Amino acid sequence: MTTSQTGHDCQPNYPNNLFPTSIESNLRLPVDNSMHILFTGIFNGYGVEMHSAEEFALLYHIGCFGKGSASRSRPRAGTNEGPSIMRKRQFLKRAYWHKKFGSARDSAQSDDFLKDVDALTSKIVSDGIKEANKDVIDLVSSEDEVPESDDDALDIPPLDQMDGQDGDMVVIVPNSDSEGENYFENFKPKVSVNRVKLQEKLMLTLQEAFFLVYGLGCLQVVDSETKFLNVDQCWSLFCETDKDFVPKYVAYHYFRSKGYIVKPGLKFGGDYLLYKEGPGITHADYIVVIKNIAEKDVNNWTSTLGHVRMASTTVKEILIVEIIQKKNMKDLKMPEGLCDYSVRELLLTRNIPVTINNDIDQ
């Protein structure tokens, strides 16, 4: 849901103060002098997700916030880029879902099945015990096998009969573990209708969501009971969800205030990645490691050299940050007490003697 508010509802953002001095429930992100936008996100137990394609497309465009649930980074908000390419086994799996559970939009059984993580996990474990010699374990129990034997299972109607059917056009290609020369010799793609469409969502981390709620005031969060949460309730809920939420958020807010695009850095062994312009434009410049979280790893030479080696291999630099608290935690009222935190930066570099000597000789 996107709403508009008047200009007097917006709190000014002073450059010398990284954190807002007062908490107001009606903070808004200023777009121009007359309109302010308010986005809506849903707390799913580990993060915040946005369902509106128009909203998350705009939010990602203005700050590269979040990640697409079915994309590598930028969410695909209903783009018409032609039919997508899908493996035969993937198409059969979705056809099985459509046959058993019906339409993903109209059937509540499909949502209940996908949300029942415990039942699905138990099926995978039981199949793994029964068929331990198999290299691949399907996400369907052995009692409900998906047909994969012949092309009749695809149930592909002629092209002139597909115009009135609901779904997206997809190109089905044969299964192959290795795309070698033999694979393309008998390559015969087929066109069909994908009746099970996975809805794209924008997934926000807890730090991104709270920055939008508290720092910019452009996001309202709804819990599982469809209740809107204020800033204090979001803070308490996020701290309960992640024990390291406070140092992570202080670091996130600090680097966002310096103009960096901040993304999760788990892929490179850190807490964050810092981009100067964004993931789709340039590579990350720094790998951020929060010392308060990785205290043992930072003080270990083996781990430190591993971070430096990873950074040099990926043409990045390691930035170790320490979150310093000025006052006793018991005396602070959060999140107003974020003003009493400070961040200390330590940049690690790896000097190669041969390179240094060559520079001196020149």
Protein backbone atom coordinates (compact mmCIF):
# COMPACT_ATOMS: atom_id res chain seq x y z
CA MET A 1 0.00 0.00 0.00
CA THR A 2 1.37 3.37 -1.03
CA THR A 3 0.04 6.52 0.61
CA SER A 4 0.75 10.23 0.29
CA GLN A 5 1.27 12.68 3.14
CA THR A 6 1.74 16.42 3.35
CA GLY A 7 5.10 18.10 3.85
CA HIS A 8 4.66 18.98 7.54
CA ASP A 9 4.66 15.24 8.42
CA CYS A 10 8.30 14.86 7.37
CA GLN A 11 11.16 15.13 9.86
CA PRO A 12 14.27 16.95 8.55
CA ASN A 13 17.42 14.90 8.12
CA TYR A 14 20.46 16.80 9.37
CA PRO A 15 23.80 15.64 7.89
CA ASN A 16 25.69 15.97 11.19
CA ASN A 17 23.37 13.57 13.00
CA LEU A 18 23.40 9.97 11.76
CA PHE A 19 20.44 8.90 13.90
CA PRO A 20 17.10 10.71 14.29
CA THR A 21 16.78 12.51 17.60
CA SER A 22 13.08 11.74 18.01
CA ILE A 23 10.85 8.85 17.09
CA GLU A 24 7.65 9.68 15.27
CA SER A 25 5.19 7.22 13.80
CA ASN A 26 4.44 9.48 10.83
CA LEU A 27 7.93 9.85 9.37
CA ARG A 28 7.95 9.83 5.57
CA LEU A 29 10.53 9.61 2.83
CA PRO A 30 10.48 12.93 0.93
CA VAL A 31 10.10 12.54 -2.83
CA ASP A 32 9.38 16.18 -3.59
CA ASN A 33 7.87 19.13 -1.79
CA SER A 34 4.29 17.87 -2.06
CA MET A 35 4.31 14.04 -1.87
CA HIS A 36 5.76 11.46 0.52
CA ILE A 37 5.63 7.72 -0.09
CA LEU A 38 4.93 5.02 2.50
CA PHE A 39 5.61 1.38 1.63
CA THR A 40 4.19 -1.69 3.38
CA GLY A 41 6.11 -4.84 4.33
CA ILE A 42 5.12 -8.09 6.05
CA PHE A 43 7.26 -9.67 8.77
CA ASN A 44 7.69 -13.37 7.93
CA GLY A 45 9.64 -14.56 10.99
CA TYR A 46 13.18 -13.88 9.77
CA GLY A 47 12.85 -10.76 7.62
CA VAL A 48 10.38 -8.44 5.92
CA GLU A 49 8.90 -9.10 2.50
CA MET A 50 7.03 -6.85 0.08
CA HIS A 51 4.45 -8.24 -2.34
CA SER A 52 3.44 -5.23 -4.44
CA ALA A 53 5.42 -5.23 -7.69
CA GLU A 54 5.06 -1.48 -8.13
CA GLU A 55 6.26 -0.76 -4.60
CA PHE A 56 9.32 -2.99 -4.50
CA ALA A 57 10.37 -1.94 -8.00
CA LEU A 58 10.39 1.69 -6.87
CA LEU A 59 12.07 0.89 -3.54
CA TYR A 60 14.87 -1.05 -5.21
CA HIS A 61 15.31 1.66 -7.82
CA ILE A 62 15.79 4.47 -5.29
CA GLY A 63 18.24 2.65 -3.02
CA CYS A 64 18.89 -0.97 -4.05
CA PHE A 65 17.06 -2.18 -0.95
CA GLY A 66 16.36 -5.90 -0.60
CA LYS A 67 16.66 -8.84 -2.96
CA GLY A 68 14.22 -10.56 -5.27
CA SER A 69 12.93 -13.91 -4.00
CA ALA A 70 13.20 -15.50 -7.46
CA SER A 71 16.06 -13.38 -8.82
CA ARG A 72 19.75 -13.02 -8.13
CA SER A 73 19.48 -9.43 -6.98
CA ARG A 74 17.15 -6.98 -8.73
CA PRO A 75 13.52 -8.17 -8.49
CA ARG A 76 11.67 -8.73 -11.72
CA ALA A 77 8.46 -6.77 -11.44
CA GLY A 78 6.27 -8.24 -14.17
CA THR A 79 8.69 -7.64 -17.04
CA ASN A 80 7.65 -8.90 -20.47
CA GLU A 81 10.95 -10.24 -21.73
CA GLY A 82 9.50 -13.15 -23.70
CA PRO A 83 9.07 -16.77 -22.61
CA SER A 84 11.48 -18.11 -20.03
CA ILE A 85 13.56 -21.27 -20.48
CA MET A 86 12.81 -24.18 -18.15
CA ARG A 87 14.21 -27.69 -17.76
CA LYS A 88 11.85 -30.58 -18.39
CA ARG A 89 12.12 -31.85 -14.81
CA GLN A 90 11.27 -28.39 -13.47
CA PHE A 91 8.23 -28.14 -15.72
CA LEU A 92 7.06 -31.62 -14.64
CA LYS A 93 7.41 -30.66 -11.00
CA ARG A 94 5.26 -27.56 -11.48
CA ALA A 95 2.73 -29.53 -13.51
CA TYR A 96 2.53 -31.98 -10.61
CA TRP A 97 1.90 -29.12 -8.19
CA HIS A 98 -0.86 -27.74 -10.42
CA LYS A 99 -2.49 -31.17 -10.79
CA LYS A 100 -2.47 -31.94 -7.07
CA PHE A 101 -3.05 -28.56 -5.47
CA GLY A 102 -4.80 -26.57 -8.20
CA SER A 103 -4.16 -22.93 -9.00
CA ALA A 104 -1.58 -21.22 -6.82
CA ARG A 105 -3.84 -18.16 -6.59
CA ASP A 106 -7.20 -19.80 -5.89
CA SER A 107 -6.22 -22.79 -3.76
CA ALA A 108 -5.32 -22.29 -0.12
CA GLN A 109 -4.04 -25.88 0.06
CA SER A 110 -1.05 -24.95 -2.07
CA ASP A 111 0.02 -22.22 0.34
CA ASP A 112 -0.50 -24.51 3.32
CA PHE A 113 1.63 -27.19 1.70
CA LEU A 114 4.48 -24.84 0.88
CA LYS A 115 4.41 -23.32 4.36
CA ASP A 116 4.44 -26.68 6.13
CA VAL A 117 8.21 -26.83 6.35
CA ASP A 118 8.32 -29.49 9.04
CA ALA A 119 6.22 -31.95 7.07
CA LEU A 120 8.24 -31.37 3.92
CA THR A 121 11.51 -31.82 5.79
CA SER A 122 10.34 -35.10 7.31
CA LYS A 123 9.48 -36.40 3.84
CA ILE A 124 12.93 -35.53 2.55
CA VAL A 125 14.61 -37.22 5.51
CA SER A 126 12.49 -40.37 5.20
CA ASP A 127 13.17 -40.64 1.49
CA GLY A 128 16.86 -40.12 2.14
CA ILE A 129 16.93 -43.00 4.62
CA LYS A 130 15.01 -45.36 2.34
CA GLU A 131 16.99 -44.50 -0.77
CA ALA A 132 20.41 -43.65 0.60
CA ASN A 133 22.13 -44.87 -2.56
CA LYS A 134 20.43 -42.30 -4.77
CA ASP A 135 22.40 -39.23 -5.80
CA VAL A 136 19.32 -36.96 -5.99
CA ILE A 137 16.47 -36.71 -3.47
CA ASP A 138 13.29 -35.13 -4.82
CA LEU A 139 11.24 -32.65 -2.83
CA VAL A 140 8.26 -35.00 -3.24
CA SER A 141 7.66 -38.10 -1.14
CA SER A 142 8.19 -41.53 -2.67
CA GLU A 143 4.45 -42.15 -2.52
CA ASP A 144 3.73 -39.28 -4.93
CA GLU A 145 6.31 -39.66 -7.69
CA VAL A 146 6.34 -37.19 -10.56
CA PRO A 147 6.22 -38.89 -13.99
CA GLU A 148 9.41 -38.37 -15.98
CA SER A 149 9.37 -41.24 -18.45
CA ASP A 150 7.89 -39.94 -21.69
CA ASP A 151 6.91 -36.76 -23.44
CA ASP A 152 3.20 -37.50 -22.99
CA ALA A 153 3.53 -36.42 -19.37
CA LEU A 154 4.20 -32.88 -20.57
CA ASP A 155 0.65 -32.62 -21.91
CA ILE A 156 1.60 -29.89 -24.40
CA PRO A 157 -1.35 -28.61 -26.49
CA PRO A 158 -0.89 -27.05 -29.94
CA LEU A 159 0.06 -23.38 -30.09
CA ASP A 160 -3.34 -22.33 -31.46
CA GLN A 161 -5.01 -23.75 -28.34
CA MET A 162 -2.81 -21.90 -25.84
CA ASP A 163 -4.22 -18.40 -26.35
CA GLY A 164 -7.12 -18.86 -23.96
CA GLN A 165 -5.16 -20.56 -21.18
CA ASP A 166 -3.97 -18.83 -18.04
CA GLY A 167 -0.24 -18.78 -17.40
CA ASP A 168 3.05 -17.75 -18.94
CA MET A 169 4.61 -19.21 -22.05
CA VAL A 170 7.78 -21.18 -21.33
CA VAL A 171 10.33 -22.96 -23.50
CA ILE A 172 11.00 -26.50 -22.24
CA VAL A 173 14.46 -27.92 -22.90
CA PRO A 174 15.66 -31.49 -22.22
CA ASN A 175 17.31 -32.44 -18.95
CA SER A 176 21.09 -32.59 -18.86
CA ASP A 177 23.71 -32.51 -16.14
CA SER A 178 26.39 -31.39 -18.60
CA GLU A 179 25.72 -29.28 -21.67
CA GLY A 180 28.24 -30.90 -24.00
CA GLU A 181 28.23 -31.50 -27.74
CA ASN A 182 25.90 -34.50 -27.51
CA TYR A 183 23.33 -32.44 -25.66
CA PHE A 184 22.90 -29.93 -28.47
CA GLU A 185 22.88 -32.52 -31.28
CA ASN A 186 19.38 -33.71 -30.35
CA PHE A 187 18.22 -30.43 -28.87
CA LYS A 188 14.44 -30.18 -29.42
CA PRO A 189 12.85 -27.43 -27.30
CA LYS A 190 9.09 -27.27 -26.85
CA VAL A 191 6.71 -24.46 -25.96
CA SER A 192 4.03 -24.82 -23.30
CA VAL A 193 2.07 -22.91 -20.66
CA ASN A 194 3.41 -22.65 -17.13
CA ARG A 195 0.27 -22.80 -15.00
CA VAL A 196 2.11 -22.43 -11.69
CA LYS A 197 3.63 -18.96 -11.47
CA LEU A 198 5.90 -18.21 -8.53
CA GLN A 199 5.20 -14.67 -7.35
CA GLU A 200 8.25 -12.45 -7.09
CA LYS A 201 8.74 -10.77 -3.72
CA LEU A 202 11.26 -8.29 -2.37
CA MET A 203 13.03 -9.74 0.66
CA LEU A 204 14.38 -7.19 3.14
CA THR A 205 16.81 -8.04 5.92
CA LEU A 206 15.98 -6.90 9.43
CA GLN A 207 18.58 -4.15 9.18
CA GLU A 208 17.22 -2.87 5.87
CA ALA A 209 13.65 -2.94 7.15
CA PHE A 210 14.45 -1.05 10.35
CA PHE A 211 16.50 1.51 8.45
CA LEU A 212 13.48 2.18 6.24
CA VAL A 213 11.19 2.33 9.28
CA TYR A 214 13.42 4.33 11.65
CA GLY A 215 16.03 6.09 9.52
CA LEU A 216 13.92 7.11 6.52
CA GLY A 217 10.38 6.58 7.80
CA CYS A 218 9.10 5.23 4.49
CA LEU A 219 8.10 1.69 5.54
CA GLN A 220 5.36 0.32 7.76
CA VAL A 221 5.68 -3.29 8.96
CA VAL A 222 2.77 -5.68 9.45
CA ASP A 223 3.11 -8.76 11.66
CA SER A 224 1.51 -12.18 11.18
CA GLU A 225 -1.69 -10.95 12.83
CA THR A 226 -2.02 -8.10 10.28
CA LYS A 227 -1.17 -5.56 12.97
CA PHE A 228 0.91 -2.51 12.13
CA LEU A 229 4.03 -2.20 14.26
CA ASN A 230 5.48 1.09 15.46
CA VAL A 231 9.21 1.78 15.76
CA ASP A 232 9.55 0.47 19.31
CA GLN A 233 7.67 -2.72 18.48
CA CYS A 234 9.82 -3.30 15.40
CA TRP A 235 12.96 -2.81 17.49
CA SER A 236 11.86 -5.33 20.11
CA LEU A 237 10.74 -7.86 17.52
CA PHE A 238 13.92 -7.62 15.46
CA CYS A 239 16.15 -7.89 18.54
CA GLU A 240 14.30 -11.05 19.57
CA THR A 241 14.71 -12.50 16.08
CA ASP A 242 18.45 -11.80 15.76
CA LYS A 243 20.69 -11.63 18.83
CA ASP A 244 23.29 -9.60 16.90
CA PHE A 245 20.76 -7.15 15.51
CA VAL A 246 22.10 -4.11 17.40
CA PRO A 247 25.73 -4.16 16.15
CA LYS A 248 24.59 -5.16 12.68
CA TYR A 249 22.12 -2.30 12.48
CA VAL A 250 24.55 0.29 13.86
CA ALA A 251 27.07 -0.69 11.18
CA TYR A 252 24.38 -0.76 8.49
CA HIS A 253 23.01 2.67 9.42
CA TYR A 254 26.54 4.08 9.67
CA PHE A 255 27.59 3.03 6.16
CA ARG A 256 24.22 3.92 4.63
CA SER A 257 24.61 7.40 6.10
CA LYS A 258 28.01 7.66 4.39
CA GLY A 259 26.37 7.01 1.02
CA TYR A 260 27.25 3.34 0.48
CA ILE A 261 24.90 0.67 -0.83
CA VAL A 262 25.06 -2.01 1.87
CA LYS A 263 24.38 -5.65 1.01
CA PRO A 264 24.85 -8.94 2.95
CA GLY A 265 28.42 -10.24 2.69
CA LEU A 266 27.97 -13.90 3.62
CA LYS A 267 29.13 -15.02 0.16
CA PHE A 268 32.55 -13.44 0.79
CA GLY A 269 32.89 -14.43 4.44
CA GLY A 270 31.89 -11.05 5.90
CA ASP A 271 28.89 -9.33 7.37
CA TYR A 272 28.34 -6.70 4.67
CA LEU A 273 29.46 -5.66 1.20
CA LEU A 274 29.85 -1.96 0.43
CA TYR A 275 29.05 -0.63 -3.04
CA LYS A 276 29.67 2.92 -4.15
CA GLU A 277 27.08 2.83 -6.94
CA GLY A 278 25.14 -0.43 -6.60
CA PRO A 279 25.36 -4.17 -7.35
CA GLY A 280 24.15 -3.83 -10.92
CA ILE A 281 26.70 -1.15 -11.82
CA THR A 282 30.02 -1.98 -10.15
CA HIS A 283 31.50 -4.65 -7.93
CA ALA A 284 31.69 -4.18 -4.17
CA ASP A 285 34.66 -2.20 -2.87
CA TYR A 286 34.81 -3.46 0.72
CA ILE A 287 34.02 -6.58 2.72
CA VAL A 288 32.88 -5.50 6.18
CA VAL A 289 33.58 -7.70 9.20
CA ILE A 290 31.97 -6.57 12.46
CA LYS A 291 34.44 -7.20 15.28
CA ASN A 292 31.76 -7.37 17.98
CA ILE A 293 30.18 -10.37 16.24
CA ALA A 294 33.30 -12.18 15.01
CA GLU A 295 35.51 -11.44 18.03
CA LYS A 296 37.34 -14.79 17.95
CA ASP A 297 37.78 -14.84 14.18
CA VAL A 298 39.12 -11.28 13.96
CA ASN A 299 41.72 -11.95 16.66
CA ASN A 300 42.81 -15.17 14.92
CA TRP A 301 45.63 -14.80 12.38
CA THR A 302 44.40 -17.74 10.31
CA SER A 303 40.96 -16.21 9.91
CA THR A 304 42.38 -12.73 9.30
CA LEU A 305 44.69 -13.95 6.54
CA GLY A 306 41.79 -15.87 5.05
CA HIS A 307 39.75 -12.66 4.89
CA VAL A 308 42.65 -10.80 3.29
CA ARG A 309 43.22 -13.57 0.74
CA MET A 310 39.52 -13.59 -0.16
CA ALA A 311 39.55 -9.81 -0.57
CA SER A 312 42.66 -9.80 -2.76
CA THR A 313 41.29 -12.61 -4.93
CA THR A 314 38.00 -10.78 -5.51
CA VAL A 315 39.65 -7.33 -5.88
CA LYS A 316 38.18 -5.97 -2.66
CA GLU A 317 39.43 -4.69 0.68
CA ILE A 318 38.70 -5.92 4.18
CA LEU A 319 37.18 -3.35 6.51
CA ILE A 320 36.95 -4.38 10.17
CA VAL A 321 34.56 -2.24 12.17
CA GLU A 322 34.14 -2.11 15.93
CA ILE A 323 30.88 -0.91 17.44
CA ILE A 324 31.69 1.18 20.53
CA GLN A 325 29.10 1.94 23.17
CA LYS A 326 29.64 5.14 25.13
CA LYS A 327 27.26 4.42 28.01
CA ASN A 328 26.09 1.40 29.94
CA MET A 329 23.57 -0.64 28.00
CA LYS A 330 21.20 -0.76 30.96
CA ASP A 331 20.92 3.03 31.01
CA LEU A 332 20.04 3.31 27.32
CA LYS A 333 16.51 3.47 25.99
CA MET A 334 16.47 1.94 22.55
CA PRO A 335 16.29 2.83 19.75
CA GLU A 336 16.81 6.42 20.92
CA GLY A 337 20.09 5.25 22.50
CA LEU A 338 21.63 4.57 19.09
CA CYS A 339 23.06 8.09 19.25
CA ASP A 340 25.42 6.85 21.98
CA TYR A 341 27.07 4.32 19.65
CA SER A 342 30.13 5.04 17.54
CA VAL A 343 31.93 3.08 14.84
CA ARG A 344 35.69 2.57 14.53
CA GLU A 345 37.09 1.44 11.16
CA LEU A 346 40.23 -0.63 10.50
CA LEU A 347 41.28 -1.22 6.89
CA LEU A 348 43.38 -4.34 6.27
CA THR A 349 45.76 -4.41 3.32
CA ARG A 350 48.18 -7.05 2.07
CA ASN A 351 51.57 -5.76 0.97
CA ILE A 352 53.54 -7.98 -1.42
CA PRO A 353 57.33 -7.42 -1.01
CA VAL A 354 58.08 -8.02 -4.69
CA THR A 355 55.56 -5.40 -5.77
CA ILE A 356 56.88 -2.90 -3.22
CA ASN A 357 60.48 -3.40 -4.38
CA ASN A 358 59.50 -2.96 -8.02
CA ASP A 359 57.73 0.30 -7.18
CA ILE A 360 60.82 1.55 -5.34
CA ASP A 361 63.13 0.64 -8.24
CA GLN A 362 60.95 2.51 -10.69
